[in-house]
Amino acid sequence: MIIGSEFNKKYQQLLWEIGSLSQEDTSKQIPVKKINATLEWDRIEIKHALEYLQELGLIKTTTIGGPLLYGHITLTESGLKKYKSLFDHE
């Protein structure tokens, strides 16, 4: 959720993890299991968060086994810019 112009801390944390794992490479596929190994969110929570980031155009998801089971994600150019902007807020 976006509050004003501030990006919610939870989504910042998720985008930070994605950006770090991708090593700022928008072609690198990152396993969702690897993302959640660090965050330790429940399955529904990460599903909704990934859907939200995808709606914002910050990531792309690849599904496996059905529409709600995400296998890998990639960072988009917009996502990479947003990830880099998080450094400005530290």
PDB file of N, CA and C in Angstrom:
ATOM      1  N   MET A   1       0.832  -1.169   0.000  1.00  0.00           N
ATOM      2  CA  MET A   1       0.000   0.000   0.000  1.00  0.00           C
ATOM      3  C   MET A   1       0.881   1.238   0.000  1.00  0.00           C
ATOM      4  N   ILE A   2       0.466   2.218  -0.723  1.00  0.00           N
ATOM      5  CA  ILE A   2       1.197   3.479  -0.755  1.00  0.00           C
ATOM      6  C   ILE A   2       0.440   4.481   0.109  1.00  0.00           C
ATOM      7  N   ILE A   3       1.140   5.099   1.020  1.00  0.00           N
ATOM      8  CA  ILE A   3       0.549   6.119   1.872  1.00  0.00           C
ATOM      9  C   ILE A   3       1.192   7.430   1.467  1.00  0.00           C
ATOM     10  N   GLY A   4       0.380   8.316   0.896  1.00  0.00           N
ATOM     11  CA  GLY A   4       0.945   9.553   0.363  1.00  0.00           C
ATOM     12  C   GLY A   4       1.959   9.203  -0.705  1.00  0.00           C
ATOM     13  N   SER A   5       3.144   9.764  -0.587  1.00  0.00           N
ATOM     14  CA  SER A   5       4.192   9.441  -1.548  1.00  0.00           C
ATOM     15  C   SER A   5       5.174   8.431  -0.966  1.00  0.00           C
ATOM     16  N   GLU A   6       4.904   7.961   0.254  1.00  0.00           N
ATOM     17  CA  GLU A   6       5.795   7.008   0.909  1.00  0.00           C
ATOM     18  C   GLU A   6       5.381   5.585   0.579  1.00  0.00           C
ATOM     19  N   PHE A   7       6.330   4.777   0.278  1.00  0.00           N
ATOM     20  CA  PHE A   7       6.137   3.371  -0.022  1.00  0.00           C
ATOM     21  C   PHE A   7       6.149   2.629   1.311  1.00  0.00           C
ATOM     22  N   ASN A   8       5.105   1.855   1.590  1.00  0.00           N
ATOM     23  CA  ASN A   8       4.969   1.117   2.837  1.00  0.00           C
ATOM     24  C   ASN A   8       6.247   0.348   3.184  1.00  0.00           C
ATOM     25  N   LYS A   9       6.628   0.350   4.441  1.00  0.00           N
ATOM     26  CA  LYS A   9       7.874  -0.295   4.899  1.00  0.00           C
ATOM     27  C   LYS A   9       7.931  -1.772   4.540  1.00  0.00           C
ATOM     28  N   LYS A  10       6.804  -2.441   4.601  1.00  0.00           N
ATOM     29  CA  LYS A  10       6.773  -3.870   4.282  1.00  0.00           C
ATOM     30  C   LYS A  10       7.122  -4.095   2.810  1.00  0.00           C
ATOM     31  N   TYR A  11       6.582  -3.268   1.937  1.00  0.00           N
ATOM     32  CA  TYR A  11       6.886  -3.388   0.512  1.00  0.00           C
ATOM     33  C   TYR A  11       8.310  -2.947   0.213  1.00  0.00           C
ATOM     34  N   GLN A  12       8.794  -1.972   0.967  1.00  0.00           N
ATOM     35  CA  GLN A  12      10.199  -1.585   0.831  1.00  0.00           C
ATOM     36  C   GLN A  12      11.100  -2.766   1.169  1.00  0.00           C
ATOM     37  N   GLN A  13      10.772  -3.464   2.239  1.00  0.00           N
ATOM     38  CA  GLN A  13      11.557  -4.620   2.664  1.00  0.00           C
ATOM     39  C   GLN A  13      11.555  -5.697   1.577  1.00  0.00           C
ATOM     40  N   LEU A  14      10.396  -5.962   0.999  1.00  0.00           N
ATOM     41  CA  LEU A  14      10.293  -6.965  -0.057  1.00  0.00           C
ATOM     42  C   LEU A  14      11.071  -6.530  -1.297  1.00  0.00           C
ATOM     43  N   LEU A  15      10.897  -5.283  -1.718  1.00  0.00           N
ATOM     44  CA  LEU A  15      11.614  -4.792  -2.894  1.00  0.00           C
ATOM     45  C   LEU A  15      13.118  -4.772  -2.644  1.00  0.00           C
ATOM     46  N   TRP A  16      13.517  -4.438  -1.441  1.00  0.00           N
ATOM     47  CA  TRP A  16      14.936  -4.442  -1.082  1.00  0.00           C
ATOM     48  C   TRP A  16      15.506  -5.852  -1.243  1.00  0.00           C
ATOM     49  N   GLU A  17      14.777  -6.843  -0.752  1.00  0.00           N
ATOM     50  CA  GLU A  17      15.227  -8.236  -0.848  1.00  0.00           C
ATOM     51  C   GLU A  17      15.314  -8.675  -2.314  1.00  0.00           C
ATOM     52  N   ILE A  18      14.321  -8.323  -3.104  1.00  0.00           N
ATOM     53  CA  ILE A  18      14.311  -8.681  -4.518  1.00  0.00           C
ATOM     54  C   ILE A  18      15.483  -8.018  -5.245  1.00  0.00           C
ATOM     55  N   GLY A  19      15.673  -6.732  -5.003  1.00  0.00           N
ATOM     56  CA  GLY A  19      16.773  -6.013  -5.643  1.00  0.00           C
ATOM     57  C   GLY A  19      18.133  -6.572  -5.264  1.00  0.00           C
ATOM     58  N   SER A  20      18.282  -6.920  -3.993  1.00  0.00           N
ATOM     59  CA  SER A  20      19.547  -7.492  -3.530  1.00  0.00           C
ATOM     60  C   SER A  20      19.814  -8.847  -4.180  1.00  0.00           C
ATOM     61  N   LEU A  21      18.800  -9.709  -4.183  1.00  0.00           N
ATOM     62  CA  LEU A  21      18.968 -11.037  -4.769  1.00  0.00           C
ATOM     63  C   LEU A  21      19.197 -10.981  -6.281  1.00  0.00           C
ATOM     64  N   SER A  22      18.601  -9.986  -6.928  1.00  0.00           N
ATOM     65  CA  SER A  22      18.760  -9.867  -8.380  1.00  0.00           C
ATOM     66  C   SER A  22      20.109  -9.273  -8.759  1.00  0.00           C
ATOM     67  N   GLN A  23      20.796  -8.702  -7.783  1.00  0.00           N
ATOM     68  CA  GLN A  23      22.055  -8.010  -8.023  1.00  0.00           C
ATOM     69  C   GLN A  23      21.877  -6.920  -9.082  1.00  0.00           C
ATOM     70  N   GLU A  24      20.683  -6.296  -9.020  1.00  0.00           N
ATOM     71  CA  GLU A  24      20.301  -5.200  -9.926  1.00  0.00           C
ATOM     72  C   GLU A  24      20.267  -5.623 -11.389  1.00  0.00           C
ATOM     73  N   ASP A  25      20.009  -6.899 -11.638  1.00  0.00           N
ATOM     74  CA  ASP A  25      19.925  -7.448 -12.992  1.00  0.00           C
ATOM     75  C   ASP A  25      18.462  -7.762 -13.288  1.00  0.00           C
ATOM     76  N   THR A  26      17.860  -7.015 -14.218  1.00  0.00           N
ATOM     77  CA  THR A  26      16.440  -7.188 -14.521  1.00  0.00           C
ATOM     78  C   THR A  26      16.147  -8.466 -15.305  1.00  0.00           C
ATOM     79  N   SER A  27      17.165  -9.169 -15.755  1.00  0.00           N
ATOM     80  CA  SER A  27      16.924 -10.430 -16.468  1.00  0.00           C
ATOM     81  C   SER A  27      17.070 -11.646 -15.544  1.00  0.00           C
ATOM     82  N   LYS A  28      17.547 -11.422 -14.336  1.00  0.00           N
ATOM     83  CA  LYS A  28      17.786 -12.529 -13.402  1.00  0.00           C
ATOM     84  C   LYS A  28      16.477 -12.985 -12.762  1.00  0.00           C
ATOM     85  N   GLN A  29      16.177 -14.283 -12.891  1.00  0.00           N
ATOM     86  CA  GLN A  29      14.991 -14.846 -12.265  1.00  0.00           C
ATOM     87  C   GLN A  29      15.317 -15.241 -10.827  1.00  0.00           C
ATOM     88  N   ILE A  30      14.479 -14.792  -9.921  1.00  0.00           N
ATOM     89  CA  ILE A  30      14.693 -15.051  -8.501  1.00  0.00           C
ATOM     90  C   ILE A  30      13.589 -15.977  -8.001  1.00  0.00           C
ATOM     91  N   PRO A  31      13.955 -17.108  -7.399  1.00  0.00           N
ATOM     92  CA  PRO A  31      12.929 -18.007  -6.852  1.00  0.00           C
ATOM     93  C   PRO A  31      12.211 -17.350  -5.668  1.00  0.00           C
ATOM     94  N   VAL A  32      10.894 -17.427  -5.675  1.00  0.00           N
ATOM     95  CA  VAL A  32      10.105 -16.861  -4.585  1.00  0.00           C
ATOM     96  C   VAL A  32      10.488 -17.524  -3.259  1.00  0.00           C
ATOM     97  N   LYS A  33      10.795 -18.813  -3.289  1.00  0.00           N
ATOM     98  CA  LYS A  33      11.210 -19.512  -2.064  1.00  0.00           C
ATOM     99  C   LYS A  33      12.450 -18.869  -1.458  1.00  0.00           C
ATOM    100  N   LYS A  34      13.353 -18.428  -2.307  1.00  0.00           N
ATOM    101  CA  LYS A  34      14.585 -17.792  -1.822  1.00  0.00           C
ATOM    102  C   LYS A  34      14.279 -16.443  -1.169  1.00  0.00           C
ATOM    103  N   ILE A  35      13.351 -15.703  -1.760  1.00  0.00           N
ATOM    104  CA  ILE A  35      12.948 -14.415  -1.190  1.00  0.00           C
ATOM    105  C   ILE A  35      12.341 -14.632   0.187  1.00  0.00           C
ATOM    106  N   ASN A  36      11.448 -15.600   0.262  1.00  0.00           N
ATOM    107  CA  ASN A  36      10.739 -15.820   1.511  1.00  0.00           C
ATOM    108  C   ASN A  36      11.587 -16.517   2.572  1.00  0.00           C
ATOM    109  N   ALA A  37      12.681 -17.124   2.177  1.00  0.00           N
ATOM    110  CA  ALA A  37      13.579 -17.742   3.157  1.00  0.00           C
ATOM    111  C   ALA A  37      14.125 -16.689   4.115  1.00  0.00           C
ATOM    112  N   THR A  38      14.346 -15.498   3.607  1.00  0.00           N
ATOM    113  CA  THR A  38      14.851 -14.402   4.436  1.00  0.00           C
ATOM    114  C   THR A  38      13.715 -13.692   5.172  1.00  0.00           C
ATOM    115  N   LEU A  39      12.631 -13.418   4.465  1.00  0.00           N
ATOM    116  CA  LEU A  39      11.536 -12.641   5.048  1.00  0.00           C
ATOM    117  C   LEU A  39      10.674 -13.452   6.013  1.00  0.00           C
ATOM    118  N   GLU A  40      10.532 -14.731   5.741  1.00  0.00           N
ATOM    119  CA  GLU A  40       9.717 -15.640   6.552  1.00  0.00           C
ATOM    120  C   GLU A  40       8.276 -15.164   6.713  1.00  0.00           C
ATOM    121  N   TRP A  41       7.664 -14.715   5.604  1.00  0.00           N
ATOM    122  CA  TRP A  41       6.255 -14.321   5.608  1.00  0.00           C
ATOM    123  C   TRP A  41       5.428 -15.560   5.316  1.00  0.00           C
ATOM    124  N   ASP A  42       4.137 -15.518   5.669  1.00  0.00           N
ATOM    125  CA  ASP A  42       3.303 -16.655   5.302  1.00  0.00           C
ATOM    126  C   ASP A  42       2.946 -16.574   3.818  1.00  0.00           C
ATOM    127  N   ARG A  43       2.493 -17.683   3.292  1.00  0.00           N
ATOM    128  CA  ARG A  43       2.265 -17.821   1.851  1.00  0.00           C
ATOM    129  C   ARG A  43       1.280 -16.785   1.306  1.00  0.00           C
ATOM    130  N   ILE A  44       0.196 -16.554   2.017  1.00  0.00           N
ATOM    131  CA  ILE A  44      -0.815 -15.581   1.577  1.00  0.00           C
ATOM    132  C   ILE A  44      -0.242 -14.167   1.586  1.00  0.00           C
ATOM    133  N   GLU A  45       0.510 -13.850   2.620  1.00  0.00           N
ATOM    134  CA  GLU A  45       1.095 -12.516   2.752  1.00  0.00           C
ATOM    135  C   GLU A  45       2.047 -12.208   1.597  1.00  0.00           C
ATOM    136  N   ILE A  46       2.925 -13.145   1.275  1.00  0.00           N
ATOM    137  CA  ILE A  46       3.880 -12.892   0.181  1.00  0.00           C
ATOM    138  C   ILE A  46       3.159 -12.882  -1.160  1.00  0.00           C
ATOM    139  N   LYS A  47       2.133 -13.710  -1.319  1.00  0.00           N
ATOM    140  CA  LYS A  47       1.361 -13.727  -2.558  1.00  0.00           C
ATOM    141  C   LYS A  47       0.745 -12.357  -2.816  1.00  0.00           C
ATOM    142  N   HIS A  48       0.098 -11.792  -1.801  1.00  0.00           N
ATOM    143  CA  HIS A  48      -0.539 -10.480  -1.956  1.00  0.00           C
ATOM    144  C   HIS A  48       0.489  -9.375  -2.189  1.00  0.00           C
ATOM    145  N   ALA A  49       1.597  -9.447  -1.505  1.00  0.00           N
ATOM    146  CA  ALA A  49       2.642  -8.436  -1.672  1.00  0.00           C
ATOM    147  C   ALA A  49       3.227  -8.486  -3.080  1.00  0.00           C
ATOM    148  N   LEU A  50       3.471  -9.709  -3.588  1.00  0.00           N
ATOM    149  CA  LEU A  50       4.004  -9.835  -4.945  1.00  0.00           C
ATOM    150  C   LEU A  50       2.997  -9.354  -5.983  1.00  0.00           C
ATOM    151  N   GLU A  51       1.718  -9.660  -5.761  1.00  0.00           N
ATOM    152  CA  GLU A  51       0.678  -9.180  -6.679  1.00  0.00           C
ATOM    153  C   GLU A  51       0.660  -7.651  -6.704  1.00  0.00           C
ATOM    154  N   TYR A  52       0.800  -7.037  -5.543  1.00  0.00           N
ATOM    155  CA  TYR A  52       0.791  -5.587  -5.465  1.00  0.00           C
ATOM    156  C   TYR A  52       1.987  -4.982  -6.202  1.00  0.00           C
ATOM    157  N   LEU A  53       3.179  -5.538  -5.975  1.00  0.00           N
ATOM    158  CA  LEU A  53       4.356  -5.031  -6.669  1.00  0.00           C
ATOM    159  C   LEU A  53       4.233  -5.223  -8.176  1.00  0.00           C
ATOM    160  N   GLN A  54       3.585  -6.320  -8.580  1.00  0.00           N
ATOM    161  CA  GLN A  54       3.375  -6.548 -10.009  1.00  0.00           C
ATOM    162  C   GLN A  54       2.389  -5.527 -10.576  1.00  0.00           C
ATOM    163  N   GLU A  55       1.318  -5.239  -9.837  1.00  0.00           N
ATOM    164  CA  GLU A  55       0.345  -4.230 -10.273  1.00  0.00           C
ATOM    165  C   GLU A  55       1.002  -2.867 -10.450  1.00  0.00           C
ATOM    166  N   LEU A  56       1.979  -2.568  -9.610  1.00  0.00           N
ATOM    167  CA  LEU A  56       2.708  -1.297  -9.711  1.00  0.00           C
ATOM    168  C   LEU A  56       3.732  -1.309 -10.843  1.00  0.00           C
ATOM    169  N   GLY A  57       3.955  -2.488 -11.442  1.00  0.00           N
ATOM    170  CA  GLY A  57       4.920  -2.599 -12.536  1.00  0.00           C
ATOM    171  C   GLY A  57       6.359  -2.713 -12.067  1.00  0.00           C
ATOM    172  N   LEU A  58       6.566  -3.077 -10.800  1.00  0.00           N
ATOM    173  CA  LEU A  58       7.914  -3.153 -10.252  1.00  0.00           C
ATOM    174  C   LEU A  58       8.550  -4.524 -10.448  1.00  0.00           C
ATOM    175  N   ILE A  59       7.725  -5.559 -10.616  1.00  0.00           N
ATOM    176  CA  ILE A  59       8.219  -6.918 -10.841  1.00  0.00           C
ATOM    177  C   ILE A  59       7.351  -7.617 -11.877  1.00  0.00           C
ATOM    178  N   LYS A  60       7.868  -8.724 -12.388  1.00  0.00           N
ATOM    179  CA  LYS A  60       7.104  -9.641 -13.234  1.00  0.00           C
ATOM    180  C   LYS A  60       7.158 -10.991 -12.541  1.00  0.00           C
ATOM    181  N   THR A  61       6.033 -11.712 -12.548  1.00  0.00           N
ATOM    182  CA  THR A  61       6.004 -13.027 -11.914  1.00  0.00           C
ATOM    183  C   THR A  61       5.850 -14.114 -12.963  1.00  0.00           C
ATOM    184  N   THR A  62       6.385 -15.279 -12.641  1.00  0.00           N
ATOM    185  CA  THR A  62       6.216 -16.478 -13.457  1.00  0.00           C
ATOM    186  C   THR A  62       5.471 -17.472 -12.581  1.00  0.00           C
ATOM    187  N   THR A  63       4.360 -17.993 -13.075  1.00  0.00           N
ATOM    188  CA  THR A  63       3.583 -18.924 -12.274  1.00  0.00           C
ATOM    189  C   THR A  63       3.953 -20.361 -12.592  1.00  0.00           C
ATOM    190  N   ILE A  64       3.769 -21.207 -11.589  1.00  0.00           N
ATOM    191  CA  ILE A  64       3.959 -22.643 -11.768  1.00  0.00           C
ATOM    192  C   ILE A  64       2.794 -23.350 -11.088  1.00  0.00           C
ATOM    193  N   GLY A  65       2.239 -24.341 -11.733  1.00  0.00           N
ATOM    194  CA  GLY A  65       1.197 -25.145 -11.117  1.00  0.00           C
ATOM    195  C   GLY A  65      -0.132 -24.442 -10.931  1.00  0.00           C
ATOM    196  N   GLY A  66      -0.322 -23.296 -11.495  1.00  0.00           N
ATOM    197  CA  GLY A  66      -1.582 -22.582 -11.365  1.00  0.00           C
ATOM    198  C   GLY A  66      -1.355 -21.094 -11.257  1.00  0.00           C
ATOM    199  N   PRO A  67      -2.418 -20.332 -11.352  1.00  0.00           N
ATOM    200  CA  PRO A  67      -2.285 -18.876 -11.385  1.00  0.00           C
ATOM    201  C   PRO A  67      -1.825 -18.239 -10.073  1.00  0.00           C
ATOM    202  N   LEU A  68      -1.943 -18.927  -8.959  1.00  0.00           N
ATOM    203  CA  LEU A  68      -1.586 -18.318  -7.681  1.00  0.00           C
ATOM    204  C   LEU A  68      -0.288 -18.860  -7.085  1.00  0.00           C
ATOM    205  N   LEU A  69       0.363 -19.757  -7.785  1.00  0.00           N
ATOM    206  CA  LEU A  69       1.599 -20.331  -7.272  1.00  0.00           C
ATOM    207  C   LEU A  69       2.768 -19.732  -8.035  1.00  0.00           C
ATOM    208  N   TYR A  70       3.449 -18.797  -7.424  1.00  0.00           N
ATOM    209  CA  TYR A  70       4.558 -18.126  -8.085  1.00  0.00           C
ATOM    210  C   TYR A  70       5.829 -18.929  -7.940  1.00  0.00           C
ATOM    211  N   GLY A  71       6.560 -19.042  -9.026  1.00  0.00           N
ATOM    212  CA  GLY A  71       7.818 -19.747  -9.005  1.00  0.00           C
ATOM    213  C   GLY A  71       8.990 -18.791  -8.950  1.00  0.00           C
ATOM    214  N   HIS A  72       9.024 -17.858  -9.906  1.00  0.00           N
ATOM    215  CA  HIS A  72      10.135 -16.916 -10.005  1.00  0.00           C
ATOM    216  C   HIS A  72       9.595 -15.521 -10.302  1.00  0.00           C
ATOM    217  N   ILE A  73      10.388 -14.548  -9.944  1.00  0.00           N
ATOM    218  CA  ILE A  73      10.068 -13.171 -10.300  1.00  0.00           C
ATOM    219  C   ILE A  73      11.309 -12.513 -10.881  1.00  0.00           C
ATOM    220  N   THR A  74      11.074 -11.471 -11.651  1.00  0.00           N
ATOM    221  CA  THR A  74      12.164 -10.638 -12.149  1.00  0.00           C
ATOM    222  C   THR A  74      11.821  -9.183 -11.823  1.00  0.00           C
ATOM    223  N   LEU A  75      12.832  -8.414 -11.624  1.00  0.00           N
ATOM    224  CA  LEU A  75      12.699  -6.991 -11.362  1.00  0.00           C
ATOM    225  C   LEU A  75      12.538  -6.275 -12.702  1.00  0.00           C
ATOM    226  N   THR A  76      11.612  -5.344 -12.790  1.00  0.00           N
ATOM    227  CA  THR A  76      11.465  -4.543 -14.009  1.00  0.00           C
ATOM    228  C   THR A  76      12.391  -3.328 -13.911  1.00  0.00           C
ATOM    229  N   GLU A  77      12.504  -2.598 -15.005  1.00  0.00           N
ATOM    230  CA  GLU A  77      13.306  -1.363 -14.985  1.00  0.00           C
ATOM    231  C   GLU A  77      12.745  -0.381 -13.957  1.00  0.00           C
ATOM    232  N   SER A  78      11.409  -0.283 -13.902  1.00  0.00           N
ATOM    233  CA  SER A  78      10.772   0.593 -12.900  1.00  0.00           C
ATOM    234  C   SER A  78      11.081   0.110 -11.489  1.00  0.00           C
ATOM    235  N   GLY A  79      11.061  -1.209 -11.314  1.00  0.00           N
ATOM    236  CA  GLY A  79      11.377  -1.790 -10.014  1.00  0.00           C
ATOM    237  C   GLY A  79      12.813  -1.511  -9.611  1.00  0.00           C
ATOM    238  N   LEU A  80      13.707  -1.578 -10.584  1.00  0.00           N
ATOM    239  CA  LEU A  80      15.113  -1.295 -10.314  1.00  0.00           C
ATOM    240  C   LEU A  80      15.299   0.163  -9.887  1.00  0.00           C
ATOM    241  N   LYS A  81      14.607   1.080 -10.559  1.00  0.00           N
ATOM    242  CA  LYS A  81      14.679   2.502 -10.186  1.00  0.00           C
ATOM    243  C   LYS A  81      14.146   2.721  -8.772  1.00  0.00           C
ATOM    244  N   LYS A  82      13.014   2.069  -8.464  1.00  0.00           N
ATOM    245  CA  LYS A  82      12.423   2.197  -7.132  1.00  0.00           C
ATOM    246  C   LYS A  82      13.364   1.601  -6.084  1.00  0.00           C
ATOM    247  N   TYR A  83      13.967   0.453  -6.387  1.00  0.00           N
ATOM    248  CA  TYR A  83      14.935  -0.186  -5.480  1.00  0.00           C
ATOM    249  C   TYR A  83      16.096   0.766  -5.200  1.00  0.00           C
ATOM    250  N   LYS A  84      16.634   1.363  -6.246  1.00  0.00           N
ATOM    251  CA  LYS A  84      17.756   2.285  -6.071  1.00  0.00           C
ATOM    252  C   LYS A  84      17.347   3.524  -5.274  1.00  0.00           C
ATOM    253  N   SER A  85      16.101   3.943  -5.424  1.00  0.00           N
ATOM    254  CA  SER A  85      15.623   5.118  -4.671  1.00  0.00           C
ATOM    255  C   SER A  85      15.527   4.822  -3.175  1.00  0.00           C
ATOM    256  N   LEU A  86      15.439   3.556  -2.797  1.00  0.00           N
ATOM    257  CA  LEU A  86      15.380   3.199  -1.382  1.00  0.00           C
ATOM    258  C   LEU A  86      16.684   3.551  -0.670  1.00  0.00           C
ATOM    259  N   PHE A  87      17.790   3.592  -1.398  1.00  0.00           N
ATOM    260  CA  PHE A  87      19.070   3.975  -0.811  1.00  0.00           C
ATOM    261  C   PHE A  87      19.039   5.426  -0.341  1.00  0.00           C
ATOM    262  N   ASP A  88      18.264   6.249  -1.034  1.00  0.00           N
ATOM    263  CA  ASP A  88      18.163   7.666  -0.681  1.00  0.00           C
ATOM    264  C   ASP A  88      17.422   7.890   0.632  1.00  0.00           C
ATOM    265  N   HIS A  89      16.651   6.884   1.043  1.00  0.00           N
ATOM    266  CA  HIS A  89      15.823   7.027   2.252  1.00  0.00           C
ATOM    267  C   HIS A  89      16.471   6.404   3.489  1.00  0.00           C
ATOM    268  N   GLU A  90      17.662   5.886   3.361  1.00  0.00           N
ATOM    269  CA  GLU A  90      18.327   5.260   4.519  1.00  0.00           C
ATOM    270  C   GLU A  90      18.861   6.301   5.463  1.00  0.00           C
TER     271      GLU A  90
END
